Amino acid sequence: MSFEDVKIFNRKRFPDGYSKLGSFRPDHRRFDGNWADEISRELLGRSNPVCVRPYKPIRNEAVLFNSFSSLPETNRSKIRSQNGE
């Protein structure tokens, strides 16, 4: 599949709040060469992506996560103040 096989229609960006929200309507070419029906998709984006890979060098093992979410900055500051940090 290449860029010529994908079209994006009606891309919208909603006002920024805590998260960035947008929508778009992708269309893609099928393996038989015909275009698939348009579908509607929403995007929810946040800043500060995090990548963590716990590793035990003694056992030469790594832990893999399917998904990971960090605490939002506002909650992090509340936790710090509760812990006295």
PDB file of N, CA and C in Angstrom:
ATOM      1  N   MET A   1       0.847  -1.171   0.000  1.00  0.00           N
ATOM      2  CA  MET A   1       0.000   0.000   0.000  1.00  0.00           C
ATOM      3  C   MET A   1       0.895   1.238   0.000  1.00  0.00           C
ATOM      4  N   SER A   2       0.525   2.233  -0.783  1.00  0.00           N
ATOM      5  CA  SER A   2       1.303   3.465  -0.868  1.00  0.00           C
ATOM      6  C   SER A   2       0.402   4.657  -0.550  1.00  0.00           C
ATOM      7  N   PHE A   3       0.984   5.858  -0.554  1.00  0.00           N
ATOM      8  CA  PHE A   3       0.203   7.064  -0.278  1.00  0.00           C
ATOM      9  C   PHE A   3      -0.891   7.278  -1.323  1.00  0.00           C
ATOM     10  N   GLU A   4      -0.680   6.810  -2.550  1.00  0.00           N
ATOM     11  CA  GLU A   4      -1.692   6.949  -3.593  1.00  0.00           C
ATOM     12  C   GLU A   4      -2.907   6.071  -3.324  1.00  0.00           C
ATOM     13  N   ASP A   5      -2.767   5.072  -2.453  1.00  0.00           N
ATOM     14  CA  ASP A   5      -3.855   4.148  -2.150  1.00  0.00           C
ATOM     15  C   ASP A   5      -4.695   4.580  -0.961  1.00  0.00           C
ATOM     16  N   VAL A   6      -4.419   5.746  -0.404  1.00  0.00           N
ATOM     17  CA  VAL A   6      -5.160   6.230   0.765  1.00  0.00           C
ATOM     18  C   VAL A   6      -5.570   7.672   0.524  1.00  0.00           C
ATOM     19  N   LYS A   7      -6.808   7.997   0.861  1.00  0.00           N
ATOM     20  CA  LYS A   7      -7.303   9.372   0.785  1.00  0.00           C
ATOM     21  C   LYS A   7      -7.894   9.740   2.140  1.00  0.00           C
ATOM     22  N   ILE A   8      -7.692  10.975   2.560  1.00  0.00           N
ATOM     23  CA  ILE A   8      -8.256  11.474   3.814  1.00  0.00           C
ATOM     24  C   ILE A   8      -9.224  12.599   3.470  1.00  0.00           C
ATOM     25  N   PHE A   9     -10.477  12.489   3.917  1.00  0.00           N
ATOM     26  CA  PHE A   9     -11.502  13.490   3.675  1.00  0.00           C
ATOM     27  C   PHE A   9     -11.965  14.098   4.996  1.00  0.00           C
ATOM     28  N   ASN A  10     -12.458  15.311   4.945  1.00  0.00           N
ATOM     29  CA  ASN A  10     -13.137  15.959   6.079  1.00  0.00           C
ATOM     30  C   ASN A  10     -12.326  15.925   7.364  1.00  0.00           C
ATOM     31  N   ARG A  11     -11.075  16.286   7.301  1.00  0.00           N
ATOM     32  CA  ARG A  11     -10.253  16.334   8.513  1.00  0.00           C
ATOM     33  C   ARG A  11     -10.693  17.540   9.341  1.00  0.00           C
ATOM     34  N   LYS A  12     -11.013  17.320  10.622  1.00  0.00           N
ATOM     35  CA  LYS A  12     -11.453  18.392  11.518  1.00  0.00           C
ATOM     36  C   LYS A  12     -10.636  18.354  12.795  1.00  0.00           C
ATOM     37  N   ARG A  13     -10.397  19.507  13.357  1.00  0.00           N
ATOM     38  CA  ARG A  13      -9.710  19.600  14.646  1.00  0.00           C
ATOM     39  C   ARG A  13     -10.606  20.382  15.583  1.00  0.00           C
ATOM     40  N   PHE A  14     -10.931  19.817  16.721  1.00  0.00           N
ATOM     41  CA  PHE A  14     -11.804  20.463  17.682  1.00  0.00           C
ATOM     42  C   PHE A  14     -10.965  21.305  18.635  1.00  0.00           C
ATOM     43  N   PRO A  15     -11.571  22.296  19.298  1.00  0.00           N
ATOM     44  CA  PRO A  15     -10.790  23.164  20.202  1.00  0.00           C
ATOM     45  C   PRO A  15     -10.023  22.350  21.241  1.00  0.00           C
ATOM     46  N   ASP A  16      -8.801  22.809  21.520  1.00  0.00           N
ATOM     47  CA  ASP A  16      -7.955  22.100  22.482  1.00  0.00           C
ATOM     48  C   ASP A  16      -8.466  22.288  23.897  1.00  0.00           C
ATOM     49  N   GLY A  17      -8.498  21.206  24.607  1.00  0.00           N
ATOM     50  CA  GLY A  17      -8.792  21.220  26.026  1.00  0.00           C
ATOM     51  C   GLY A  17      -7.702  20.408  26.692  1.00  0.00           C
ATOM     52  N   TYR A  18      -8.087  19.480  27.535  1.00  0.00           N
ATOM     53  CA  TYR A  18      -7.112  18.597  28.171  1.00  0.00           C
ATOM     54  C   TYR A  18      -6.436  17.727  27.114  1.00  0.00           C
ATOM     55  N   SER A  19      -7.236  17.222  26.182  1.00  0.00           N
ATOM     56  CA  SER A  19      -6.712  16.377  25.110  1.00  0.00           C
ATOM     57  C   SER A  19      -7.046  17.007  23.768  1.00  0.00           C
ATOM     58  N   LYS A  20      -6.335  16.600  22.751  1.00  0.00           N
ATOM     59  CA  LYS A  20      -6.619  17.057  21.396  1.00  0.00           C
ATOM     60  C   LYS A  20      -7.561  16.051  20.748  1.00  0.00           C
ATOM     61  N   LEU A  21      -8.652  16.551  20.211  1.00  0.00           N
ATOM     62  CA  LEU A  21      -9.644  15.686  19.601  1.00  0.00           C
ATOM     63  C   LEU A  21      -9.842  16.104  18.157  1.00  0.00           C
ATOM     64  N   GLY A  22      -9.899  15.147  17.275  1.00  0.00           N
ATOM     65  CA  GLY A  22     -10.117  15.429  15.867  1.00  0.00           C
ATOM     66  C   GLY A  22     -10.866  14.288  15.220  1.00  0.00           C
ATOM     67  N   SER A  23     -11.290  14.508  13.996  1.00  0.00           N
ATOM     68  CA  SER A  23     -11.960  13.446  13.260  1.00  0.00           C
ATOM     69  C   SER A  23     -11.522  13.510  11.804  1.00  0.00           C
ATOM     70  N   PHE A  24     -11.658  12.396  11.113  1.00  0.00           N
ATOM     71  CA  PHE A  24     -11.354  12.349   9.690  1.00  0.00           C
ATOM     72  C   PHE A  24     -12.091  11.166   9.072  1.00  0.00           C
ATOM     73  N   ARG A  25     -12.169  11.168   7.755  1.00  0.00           N
ATOM     74  CA  ARG A  25     -12.839  10.097   7.023  1.00  0.00           C
ATOM     75  C   ARG A  25     -11.844   9.489   6.038  1.00  0.00           C
ATOM     76  N   PRO A  26     -11.236   8.362   6.393  1.00  0.00           N
ATOM     77  CA  PRO A  26     -10.275   7.740   5.474  1.00  0.00           C
ATOM     78  C   PRO A  26     -10.972   6.845   4.443  1.00  0.00           C
ATOM     79  N   ASP A  27     -10.354   6.714   3.321  1.00  0.00           N
ATOM     80  CA  ASP A  27     -10.782   5.804   2.269  1.00  0.00           C
ATOM     81  C   ASP A  27      -9.514   5.125   1.752  1.00  0.00           C
ATOM     82  N   HIS A  28      -9.588   3.855   1.442  1.00  0.00           N
ATOM     83  CA  HIS A  28      -8.388   3.165   0.971  1.00  0.00           C
ATOM     84  C   HIS A  28      -8.728   2.220  -0.178  1.00  0.00           C
ATOM     85  N   ARG A  29      -7.719   1.959  -0.977  1.00  0.00           N
ATOM     86  CA  ARG A  29      -7.877   1.056  -2.112  1.00  0.00           C
ATOM     87  C   ARG A  29      -7.746  -0.387  -1.617  1.00  0.00           C
ATOM     88  N   ARG A  30      -8.652  -1.224  -2.056  1.00  0.00           N
ATOM     89  CA  ARG A  30      -8.610  -2.640  -1.696  1.00  0.00           C
ATOM     90  C   ARG A  30      -7.589  -3.366  -2.561  1.00  0.00           C
ATOM     91  N   PHE A  31      -7.307  -4.612  -2.207  1.00  0.00           N
ATOM     92  CA  PHE A  31      -6.343  -5.408  -2.965  1.00  0.00           C
ATOM     93  C   PHE A  31      -6.802  -5.648  -4.403  1.00  0.00           C
ATOM     94  N   ASP A  32      -8.130  -5.647  -4.620  1.00  0.00           N
ATOM     95  CA  ASP A  32      -8.629  -5.856  -5.987  1.00  0.00           C
ATOM     96  C   ASP A  32      -8.597  -4.579  -6.826  1.00  0.00           C
ATOM     97  N   GLY A  33      -8.143  -3.450  -6.251  1.00  0.00           N
ATOM     98  CA  GLY A  33      -8.016  -2.195  -6.979  1.00  0.00           C
ATOM     99  C   GLY A  33      -9.176  -1.244  -6.796  1.00  0.00           C
ATOM    100  N   ASN A  34     -10.311  -1.718  -6.286  1.00  0.00           N
ATOM    101  CA  ASN A  34     -11.465  -0.856  -6.036  1.00  0.00           C
ATOM    102  C   ASN A  34     -11.285  -0.091  -4.732  1.00  0.00           C
ATOM    103  N   TRP A  35     -12.010   1.022  -4.617  1.00  0.00           N
ATOM    104  CA  TRP A  35     -11.937   1.810  -3.389  1.00  0.00           C
ATOM    105  C   TRP A  35     -12.957   1.296  -2.386  1.00  0.00           C
ATOM    106  N   ALA A  36     -12.569   1.197  -1.132  1.00  0.00           N
ATOM    107  CA  ALA A  36     -13.466   0.779  -0.059  1.00  0.00           C
ATOM    108  C   ALA A  36     -14.398   1.936   0.287  1.00  0.00           C
ATOM    109  N   ASP A  37     -15.472   1.642   1.016  1.00  0.00           N
ATOM    110  CA  ASP A  37     -16.382   2.691   1.469  1.00  0.00           C
ATOM    111  C   ASP A  37     -15.689   3.560   2.507  1.00  0.00           C
ATOM    112  N   GLU A  38     -16.047   4.858   2.505  1.00  0.00           N
ATOM    113  CA  GLU A  38     -15.483   5.759   3.512  1.00  0.00           C
ATOM    114  C   GLU A  38     -15.974   5.349   4.893  1.00  0.00           C
ATOM    115  N   ILE A  39     -15.129   5.537   5.868  1.00  0.00           N
ATOM    116  CA  ILE A  39     -15.489   5.300   7.263  1.00  0.00           C
ATOM    117  C   ILE A  39     -15.146   6.551   8.053  1.00  0.00           C
ATOM    118  N   SER A  40     -15.754   6.724   9.194  1.00  0.00           N
ATOM    119  CA  SER A  40     -15.481   7.886  10.038  1.00  0.00           C
ATOM    120  C   SER A  40     -14.656   7.438  11.237  1.00  0.00           C
ATOM    121  N   ARG A  41     -13.596   8.177  11.546  1.00  0.00           N
ATOM    122  CA  ARG A  41     -12.726   7.852  12.676  1.00  0.00           C
ATOM    123  C   ARG A  41     -12.459   9.102  13.494  1.00  0.00           C
ATOM    124  N   GLU A  42     -12.344   8.933  14.797  1.00  0.00           N
ATOM    125  CA  GLU A  42     -11.988  10.018  15.700  1.00  0.00           C
ATOM    126  C   GLU A  42     -10.597   9.759  16.253  1.00  0.00           C
ATOM    127  N   LEU A  43      -9.869  10.835  16.506  1.00  0.00           N
ATOM    128  CA  LEU A  43      -8.532  10.742  17.084  1.00  0.00           C
ATOM    129  C   LEU A  43      -8.519  11.451  18.421  1.00  0.00           C
ATOM    130  N   LEU A  44      -7.936  10.824  19.410  1.00  0.00           N
ATOM    131  CA  LEU A  44      -7.741  11.446  20.711  1.00  0.00           C
ATOM    132  C   LEU A  44      -6.252  11.466  20.971  1.00  0.00           C
ATOM    133  N   GLY A  45      -5.686  12.649  21.073  1.00  0.00           N
ATOM    134  CA  GLY A  45      -4.242  12.760  21.251  1.00  0.00           C
ATOM    135  C   GLY A  45      -3.884  13.492  22.523  1.00  0.00           C
ATOM    136  N   ARG A  46      -2.796  13.092  23.113  1.00  0.00           N
ATOM    137  CA  ARG A  46      -2.252  13.757  24.297  1.00  0.00           C
ATOM    138  C   ARG A  46      -0.785  14.050  24.047  1.00  0.00           C
ATOM    139  N   SER A  47      -0.270  14.989  24.789  1.00  0.00           N
ATOM    140  CA  SER A  47       1.155  15.288  24.670  1.00  0.00           C
ATOM    141  C   SER A  47       1.950  14.388  25.615  1.00  0.00           C
ATOM    142  N   ASN A  48       3.248  14.506  25.568  1.00  0.00           N
ATOM    143  CA  ASN A  48       4.173  13.785  26.444  1.00  0.00           C
ATOM    144  C   ASN A  48       4.011  12.267  26.377  1.00  0.00           C
ATOM    145  N   PRO A  49       4.231  11.672  25.215  1.00  0.00           N
ATOM    146  CA  PRO A  49       4.182  10.214  25.161  1.00  0.00           C
ATOM    147  C   PRO A  49       5.304   9.609  26.002  1.00  0.00           C
ATOM    148  N   VAL A  50       5.053   8.427  26.508  1.00  0.00           N
ATOM    149  CA  VAL A  50       6.004   7.776  27.411  1.00  0.00           C
ATOM    150  C   VAL A  50       6.331   6.391  26.878  1.00  0.00           C
ATOM    151  N   CYS A  51       7.582   6.030  26.950  1.00  0.00           N
ATOM    152  CA  CYS A  51       7.994   4.677  26.601  1.00  0.00           C
ATOM    153  C   CYS A  51       8.797   4.127  27.773  1.00  0.00           C
ATOM    154  N   VAL A  52       8.343   3.013  28.329  1.00  0.00           N
ATOM    155  CA  VAL A  52       9.021   2.387  29.465  1.00  0.00           C
ATOM    156  C   VAL A  52       9.218   0.917  29.133  1.00  0.00           C
ATOM    157  N   ARG A  53      10.419   0.435  29.310  1.00  0.00           N
ATOM    158  CA  ARG A  53      10.668  -0.984  29.111  1.00  0.00           C
ATOM    159  C   ARG A  53      11.453  -1.502  30.305  1.00  0.00           C
ATOM    160  N   PRO A  54      10.746  -2.025  31.317  1.00  0.00           N
ATOM    161  CA  PRO A  54      11.454  -2.608  32.458  1.00  0.00           C
ATOM    162  C   PRO A  54      12.324  -3.780  31.998  1.00  0.00           C
ATOM    163  N   TYR A  55      13.537  -3.828  32.535  1.00  0.00           N
ATOM    164  CA  TYR A  55      14.502  -4.839  32.111  1.00  0.00           C
ATOM    165  C   TYR A  55      15.264  -5.348  33.324  1.00  0.00           C
ATOM    166  N   LYS A  56      15.439  -6.670  33.424  1.00  0.00           N
ATOM    167  CA  LYS A  56      16.236  -7.293  34.480  1.00  0.00           C
ATOM    168  C   LYS A  56      17.510  -7.828  33.846  1.00  0.00           C
ATOM    169  N   PRO A  57      18.633  -7.107  34.011  1.00  0.00           N
ATOM    170  CA  PRO A  57      19.865  -7.559  33.364  1.00  0.00           C
ATOM    171  C   PRO A  57      20.366  -8.906  33.875  1.00  0.00           C
ATOM    172  N   ILE A  58      20.118  -9.218  35.143  1.00  0.00           N
ATOM    173  CA  ILE A  58      20.606 -10.489  35.699  1.00  0.00           C
ATOM    174  C   ILE A  58      19.937 -11.672  34.997  1.00  0.00           C
ATOM    175  N   ARG A  59      18.626 -11.546  34.739  1.00  0.00           N
ATOM    176  CA  ARG A  59      17.887 -12.632  34.086  1.00  0.00           C
ATOM    177  C   ARG A  59      17.778 -12.432  32.574  1.00  0.00           C
ATOM    178  N   ASN A  60      18.260 -11.284  32.075  1.00  0.00           N
ATOM    179  CA  ASN A  60      18.181 -10.955  30.651  1.00  0.00           C
ATOM    180  C   ASN A  60      16.737 -11.036  30.150  1.00  0.00           C
ATOM    181  N   GLU A  61      15.827 -10.394  30.920  1.00  0.00           N
ATOM    182  CA  GLU A  61      14.412 -10.403  30.585  1.00  0.00           C
ATOM    183  C   GLU A  61      13.893  -8.972  30.491  1.00  0.00           C
ATOM    184  N   ALA A  62      12.970  -8.764  29.568  1.00  0.00           N
ATOM    185  CA  ALA A  62      12.289  -7.476  29.437  1.00  0.00           C
ATOM    186  C   ALA A  62      10.791  -7.716  29.538  1.00  0.00           C
ATOM    187  N   VAL A  63      10.073  -6.723  30.046  1.00  0.00           N
ATOM    188  CA  VAL A  63       8.622  -6.794  30.142  1.00  0.00           C
ATOM    189  C   VAL A  63       8.049  -5.930  29.031  1.00  0.00           C
ATOM    190  N   LEU A  64       7.125  -6.471  28.260  1.00  0.00           N
ATOM    191  CA  LEU A  64       6.487  -5.729  27.184  1.00  0.00           C
ATOM    192  C   LEU A  64       5.033  -5.453  27.555  1.00  0.00           C
ATOM    193  N   PHE A  65       4.588  -4.222  27.328  1.00  0.00           N
ATOM    194  CA  PHE A  65       3.223  -3.815  27.632  1.00  0.00           C
ATOM    195  C   PHE A  65       2.438  -3.653  26.343  1.00  0.00           C
ATOM    196  N   ASN A  66       1.174  -4.013  26.391  1.00  0.00           N
ATOM    197  CA  ASN A  66       0.294  -3.748  25.266  1.00  0.00           C
ATOM    198  C   ASN A  66      -0.059  -2.266  25.222  1.00  0.00           C
ATOM    199  N   SER A  67      -0.304  -1.652  26.373  1.00  0.00           N
ATOM    200  CA  SER A  67      -0.572  -0.215  26.444  1.00  0.00           C
ATOM    201  C   SER A  67      -0.096   0.305  27.788  1.00  0.00           C
ATOM    202  N   PHE A  68       0.178   1.599  27.840  1.00  0.00           N
ATOM    203  CA  PHE A  68       0.690   2.224  29.057  1.00  0.00           C
ATOM    204  C   PHE A  68       0.201   3.657  29.084  1.00  0.00           C
ATOM    205  N   SER A  69      -0.303   4.100  30.210  1.00  0.00           N
ATOM    206  CA  SER A  69      -0.736   5.490  30.356  1.00  0.00           C
ATOM    207  C   SER A  69      -0.058   6.086  31.569  1.00  0.00           C
ATOM    208  N   SER A  70       0.522   7.260  31.386  1.00  0.00           N
ATOM    209  CA  SER A  70       1.108   7.957  32.527  1.00  0.00           C
ATOM    210  C   SER A  70       0.052   8.855  33.142  1.00  0.00           C
ATOM    211  N   LEU A  71       0.306   9.314  34.345  1.00  0.00           N
ATOM    212  CA  LEU A  71      -0.627  10.228  34.996  1.00  0.00           C
ATOM    213  C   LEU A  71      -0.586  11.585  34.326  1.00  0.00           C
ATOM    214  N   PRO A  72      -1.737  12.241  34.175  1.00  0.00           N
ATOM    215  CA  PRO A  72      -1.718  13.610  33.654  1.00  0.00           C
ATOM    216  C   PRO A  72      -0.940  14.528  34.584  1.00  0.00           C
ATOM    217  N   GLU A  73      -0.401  15.588  34.050  1.00  0.00           N
ATOM    218  CA  GLU A  73       0.430  16.518  34.825  1.00  0.00           C
ATOM    219  C   GLU A  73      -0.312  17.063  36.037  1.00  0.00           C
ATOM    220  N   THR A  74      -1.602  17.365  35.911  1.00  0.00           N
ATOM    221  CA  THR A  74      -2.344  17.919  37.048  1.00  0.00           C
ATOM    222  C   THR A  74      -2.427  16.908  38.182  1.00  0.00           C
ATOM    223  N   ASN A  75      -2.672  15.642  37.869  1.00  0.00           N
ATOM    224  CA  ASN A  75      -2.741  14.627  38.916  1.00  0.00           C
ATOM    225  C   ASN A  75      -1.371  14.370  39.527  1.00  0.00           C
ATOM    226  N   ARG A  76      -0.319  14.442  38.713  1.00  0.00           N
ATOM    227  CA  ARG A  76       1.030  14.231  39.221  1.00  0.00           C
ATOM    228  C   ARG A  76       1.372  15.258  40.293  1.00  0.00           C
ATOM    229  N   SER A  77       1.003  16.522  40.059  1.00  0.00           N
ATOM    230  CA  SER A  77       1.325  17.555  41.044  1.00  0.00           C
ATOM    231  C   SER A  77       0.540  17.339  42.330  1.00  0.00           C
ATOM    232  N   LYS A  78      -0.705  16.849  42.243  1.00  0.00           N
ATOM    233  CA  LYS A  78      -1.486  16.563  43.453  1.00  0.00           C
ATOM    234  C   LYS A  78      -0.841  15.424  44.244  1.00  0.00           C
ATOM    235  N   ILE A  79      -0.372  14.397  43.551  1.00  0.00           N
ATOM    236  CA  ILE A  79       0.260  13.265  44.232  1.00  0.00           C
ATOM    237  C   ILE A  79       1.542  13.713  44.920  1.00  0.00           C
ATOM    238  N   ARG A  80       2.335  14.547  44.252  1.00  0.00           N
ATOM    239  CA  ARG A  80       3.566  15.039  44.867  1.00  0.00           C
ATOM    240  C   ARG A  80       3.264  15.816  46.137  1.00  0.00           C
ATOM    241  N   SER A  81       2.229  16.671  46.083  1.00  0.00           N
ATOM    242  CA  SER A  81       1.931  17.480  47.263  1.00  0.00           C
ATOM    243  C   SER A  81       1.406  16.609  48.404  1.00  0.00           C
ATOM    244  N   GLN A  82       0.681  15.540  48.099  1.00  0.00           N
ATOM    245  CA  GLN A  82       0.186  14.649  49.140  1.00  0.00           C
ATOM    246  C   GLN A  82       1.319  13.846  49.769  1.00  0.00           C
ATOM    247  N   ASN A  83       2.330  13.523  48.983  1.00  0.00           N
ATOM    248  CA  ASN A  83       3.468  12.760  49.492  1.00  0.00           C
ATOM    249  C   ASN A  83       4.520  13.643  50.137  1.00  0.00           C
ATOM    250  N   GLY A  84       4.334  14.953  50.063  1.00  0.00           N
ATOM    251  CA  GLY A  84       5.298  15.867  50.660  1.00  0.00           C
ATOM    252  C   GLY A  84       6.524  16.092  49.813  1.00  0.00           C
ATOM    253  N   GLU A  85       6.481  15.765  48.548  1.00  0.00           N
ATOM    254  CA  GLU A  85       7.631  15.962  47.655  1.00  0.00           C
ATOM    255  C   GLU A  85       7.541  17.291  46.964  1.00  0.00           C
TER     256      GLU A  85
END
